[in-house]
Amino acid sequence: MAYVITAPCIGEKFGECVDVCPVDCIDEGEEMFFIDPDICIDCGACQAVCPVEAIYHEEELLPEDNIYLEKAKEFYASR
Protein backbone atom coordinates (compact mmCIF):
# COMPACT_ATOMS: atom_id res chain seq x y z
CA MET A 1 0.00 0.00 0.00
CA ALA A 2 1.06 3.60 -0.53
CA TYR A 3 0.04 7.19 -0.16
CA VAL A 4 -1.41 8.91 -3.23
CA ILE A 5 -1.41 12.57 -4.25
CA THR A 6 -4.79 13.64 -5.63
CA ALA A 7 -6.44 16.53 -7.51
CA PRO A 8 -5.85 19.40 -5.05
CA CYS A 9 -2.13 19.20 -5.94
CA ILE A 10 -2.73 19.89 -9.63
CA GLY A 11 -1.23 23.25 -10.41
CA GLU A 12 -0.17 23.89 -6.80
CA LYS A 13 3.02 21.86 -6.34
CA PHE A 14 4.14 23.39 -3.04
CA GLY A 15 6.71 20.64 -2.41
CA GLU A 16 6.64 20.30 1.36
CA CYS A 17 5.95 16.61 0.85
CA VAL A 18 9.21 16.12 -1.02
CA ASP A 19 11.21 17.71 1.78
CA VAL A 20 9.88 15.39 4.51
CA CYS A 21 9.85 12.06 2.66
CA PRO A 22 12.43 9.80 4.36
CA VAL A 23 12.77 7.48 1.34
CA ASP A 24 12.75 10.08 -1.43
CA CYS A 25 9.77 8.56 -3.24
CA ILE A 26 8.04 11.79 -4.34
CA ASP A 27 8.81 13.34 -7.70
CA GLU A 28 7.53 16.36 -9.56
CA GLY A 29 5.50 15.75 -12.68
CA GLU A 30 4.34 18.28 -15.22
CA GLU A 31 1.17 19.28 -13.33
CA MET A 32 1.58 17.71 -9.89
CA PHE A 33 3.74 15.59 -7.62
CA PHE A 34 3.60 11.79 -7.60
CA ILE A 35 4.44 9.20 -4.95
CA ASP A 36 6.15 6.04 -6.17
CA PRO A 37 3.87 3.26 -4.86
CA ASP A 38 6.72 0.74 -4.99
CA ILE A 39 9.00 2.79 -2.72
CA CYS A 40 6.52 4.48 -0.33
CA ILE A 41 6.86 3.07 3.20
CA ASP A 42 3.48 4.37 4.41
CA CYS A 43 4.97 6.66 7.05
CA GLY A 44 2.45 9.47 6.46
CA ALA A 45 5.01 12.27 6.79
CA CYS A 46 3.92 13.73 3.45
CA GLN A 47 0.26 13.74 4.39
CA ALA A 48 0.94 15.63 7.60
CA VAL A 49 2.59 18.56 5.81
CA CYS A 50 0.49 18.86 2.66
CA PRO A 51 -0.98 22.40 2.69
CA VAL A 52 -3.77 21.52 0.24
CA GLU A 53 -4.72 18.17 1.84
CA ALA A 54 -4.13 16.31 -1.41
CA ILE A 55 -2.48 13.18 0.03
CA TYR A 56 -4.43 10.11 1.08
CA HIS A 57 -3.55 6.54 1.93
CA GLU A 58 -4.46 4.22 -0.92
CA GLU A 59 -7.09 2.52 1.24
CA GLU A 60 -8.76 5.88 1.96
CA LEU A 61 -9.15 6.99 -1.66
CA LEU A 62 -12.61 7.84 -2.89
CA PRO A 63 -13.56 5.86 -6.00
CA GLU A 64 -13.14 8.95 -8.19
CA ASP A 65 -9.59 9.44 -6.85
CA ASN A 66 -8.33 5.98 -7.85
CA ILE A 67 -7.30 7.55 -11.15
CA TYR A 68 -4.46 9.32 -9.31
CA LEU A 69 -2.99 6.02 -8.14
CA GLU A 70 -3.05 4.86 -11.74
CA LYS A 71 -1.44 8.12 -12.89
CA ALA A 72 1.35 7.63 -10.35
CA LYS A 73 1.95 4.07 -11.57
CA GLU A 74 2.06 5.30 -15.18
CA PHE A 75 4.41 8.16 -14.24
CA TYR A 76 6.91 5.77 -12.65
CA ALA A 77 6.53 3.10 -15.35
CA SER A 78 7.67 5.62 -17.96
CA ARG A 79 10.87 6.49 -16.08
C-alpha atoms as a PDB file:
ATOM      1  CA  MET A   1       0.000   0.000   0.000  1.00  0.00           C
ATOM      2  CA  ALA A   2       1.060   3.597  -0.531  1.00  0.00           C
ATOM      3  CA  TYR A   3       0.038   7.188  -0.157  1.00  0.00           C
ATOM      4  CA  VAL A   4      -1.409   8.906  -3.230  1.00  0.00           C
ATOM      5  CA  ILE A   5      -1.411  12.566  -4.248  1.00  0.00           C
ATOM      6  CA  THR A   6      -4.785  13.642  -5.629  1.00  0.00           C
ATOM      7  CA  ALA A   7      -6.443  16.530  -7.506  1.00  0.00           C
ATOM      8  CA  PRO A   8      -5.849  19.400  -5.046  1.00  0.00           C
ATOM      9  CA  CYS A   9      -2.133  19.200  -5.942  1.00  0.00           C
ATOM     10  CA  ILE A  10      -2.729  19.889  -9.631  1.00  0.00           C
ATOM     11  CA  GLY A  11      -1.229  23.254 -10.411  1.00  0.00           C
ATOM     12  CA  GLU A  12      -0.170  23.890  -6.802  1.00  0.00           C
ATOM     13  CA  LYS A  13       3.017  21.861  -6.345  1.00  0.00           C
ATOM     14  CA  PHE A  14       4.139  23.388  -3.039  1.00  0.00           C
ATOM     15  CA  GLY A  15       6.713  20.644  -2.411  1.00  0.00           C
ATOM     16  CA  GLU A  16       6.641  20.297   1.365  1.00  0.00           C
ATOM     17  CA  CYS A  17       5.946  16.606   0.850  1.00  0.00           C
ATOM     18  CA  VAL A  18       9.215  16.121  -1.020  1.00  0.00           C
ATOM     19  CA  ASP A  19      11.213  17.711   1.777  1.00  0.00           C
ATOM     20  CA  VAL A  20       9.879  15.394   4.505  1.00  0.00           C
ATOM     21  CA  CYS A  21       9.849  12.064   2.665  1.00  0.00           C
ATOM     22  CA  PRO A  22      12.426   9.796   4.362  1.00  0.00           C
ATOM     23  CA  VAL A  23      12.770   7.480   1.342  1.00  0.00           C
ATOM     24  CA  ASP A  24      12.752  10.081  -1.435  1.00  0.00           C
ATOM     25  CA  CYS A  25       9.773   8.555  -3.243  1.00  0.00           C
ATOM     26  CA  ILE A  26       8.041  11.785  -4.344  1.00  0.00           C
ATOM     27  CA  ASP A  27       8.811  13.340  -7.701  1.00  0.00           C
ATOM     28  CA  GLU A  28       7.532  16.365  -9.556  1.00  0.00           C
ATOM     29  CA  GLY A  29       5.505  15.752 -12.683  1.00  0.00           C
ATOM     30  CA  GLU A  30       4.339  18.278 -15.223  1.00  0.00           C
ATOM     31  CA  GLU A  31       1.167  19.276 -13.333  1.00  0.00           C
ATOM     32  CA  MET A  32       1.578  17.715  -9.887  1.00  0.00           C
ATOM     33  CA  PHE A  33       3.743  15.593  -7.621  1.00  0.00           C
ATOM     34  CA  PHE A  34       3.598  11.791  -7.600  1.00  0.00           C
ATOM     35  CA  ILE A  35       4.436   9.202  -4.950  1.00  0.00           C
ATOM     36  CA  ASP A  36       6.153   6.042  -6.169  1.00  0.00           C
ATOM     37  CA  PRO A  37       3.871   3.263  -4.859  1.00  0.00           C
ATOM     38  CA  ASP A  38       6.720   0.743  -4.995  1.00  0.00           C
ATOM     39  CA  ILE A  39       8.996   2.794  -2.724  1.00  0.00           C
ATOM     40  CA  CYS A  40       6.521   4.477  -0.332  1.00  0.00           C
ATOM     41  CA  ILE A  41       6.861   3.070   3.201  1.00  0.00           C
ATOM     42  CA  ASP A  42       3.481   4.372   4.406  1.00  0.00           C
ATOM     43  CA  CYS A  43       4.972   6.659   7.046  1.00  0.00           C
ATOM     44  CA  GLY A  44       2.451   9.471   6.455  1.00  0.00           C
ATOM     45  CA  ALA A  45       5.008  12.267   6.792  1.00  0.00           C
ATOM     46  CA  CYS A  46       3.918  13.726   3.452  1.00  0.00           C
ATOM     47  CA  GLN A  47       0.257  13.738   4.386  1.00  0.00           C
ATOM     48  CA  ALA A  48       0.939  15.626   7.598  1.00  0.00           C
ATOM     49  CA  VAL A  49       2.592  18.564   5.814  1.00  0.00           C
ATOM     50  CA  CYS A  50       0.486  18.860   2.656  1.00  0.00           C
ATOM     51  CA  PRO A  51      -0.977  22.398   2.689  1.00  0.00           C
ATOM     52  CA  VAL A  52      -3.770  21.522   0.239  1.00  0.00           C
ATOM     53  CA  GLU A  53      -4.724  18.172   1.837  1.00  0.00           C
ATOM     54  CA  ALA A  54      -4.127  16.307  -1.410  1.00  0.00           C
ATOM     55  CA  ILE A  55      -2.484  13.181   0.035  1.00  0.00           C
ATOM     56  CA  TYR A  56      -4.434  10.105   1.083  1.00  0.00           C
ATOM     57  CA  HIS A  57      -3.553   6.543   1.927  1.00  0.00           C
ATOM     58  CA  GLU A  58      -4.459   4.224  -0.924  1.00  0.00           C
ATOM     59  CA  GLU A  59      -7.093   2.515   1.237  1.00  0.00           C
ATOM     60  CA  GLU A  60      -8.762   5.882   1.958  1.00  0.00           C
ATOM     61  CA  LEU A  61      -9.146   6.988  -1.664  1.00  0.00           C
ATOM     62  CA  LEU A  62     -12.606   7.839  -2.891  1.00  0.00           C
ATOM     63  CA  PRO A  63     -13.560   5.864  -6.004  1.00  0.00           C
ATOM     64  CA  GLU A  64     -13.141   8.948  -8.190  1.00  0.00           C
ATOM     65  CA  ASP A  65      -9.590   9.445  -6.854  1.00  0.00           C
ATOM     66  CA  ASN A  66      -8.329   5.982  -7.847  1.00  0.00           C
ATOM     67  CA  ILE A  67      -7.298   7.551 -11.151  1.00  0.00           C
ATOM     68  CA  TYR A  68      -4.459   9.321  -9.307  1.00  0.00           C
ATOM     69  CA  LEU A  69      -2.992   6.023  -8.138  1.00  0.00           C
ATOM     70  CA  GLU A  70      -3.047   4.857 -11.744  1.00  0.00           C
ATOM     71  CA  LYS A  71      -1.440   8.117 -12.887  1.00  0.00           C
ATOM     72  CA  ALA A  72       1.351   7.626 -10.347  1.00  0.00           C
ATOM     73  CA  LYS A  73       1.948   4.068 -11.569  1.00  0.00           C
ATOM     74  CA  GLU A  74       2.057   5.305 -15.176  1.00  0.00           C
ATOM     75  CA  PHE A  75       4.407   8.156 -14.235  1.00  0.00           C
ATOM     76  CA  TYR A  76       6.914   5.768 -12.651  1.00  0.00           C
ATOM     77  CA  ALA A  77       6.530   3.103 -15.349  1.00  0.00           C
ATOM     78  CA  SER A  78       7.666   5.625 -17.961  1.00  0.00           C
ATOM     79  CA  ARG A  79      10.875   6.494 -16.083  1.00  0.00           C
END
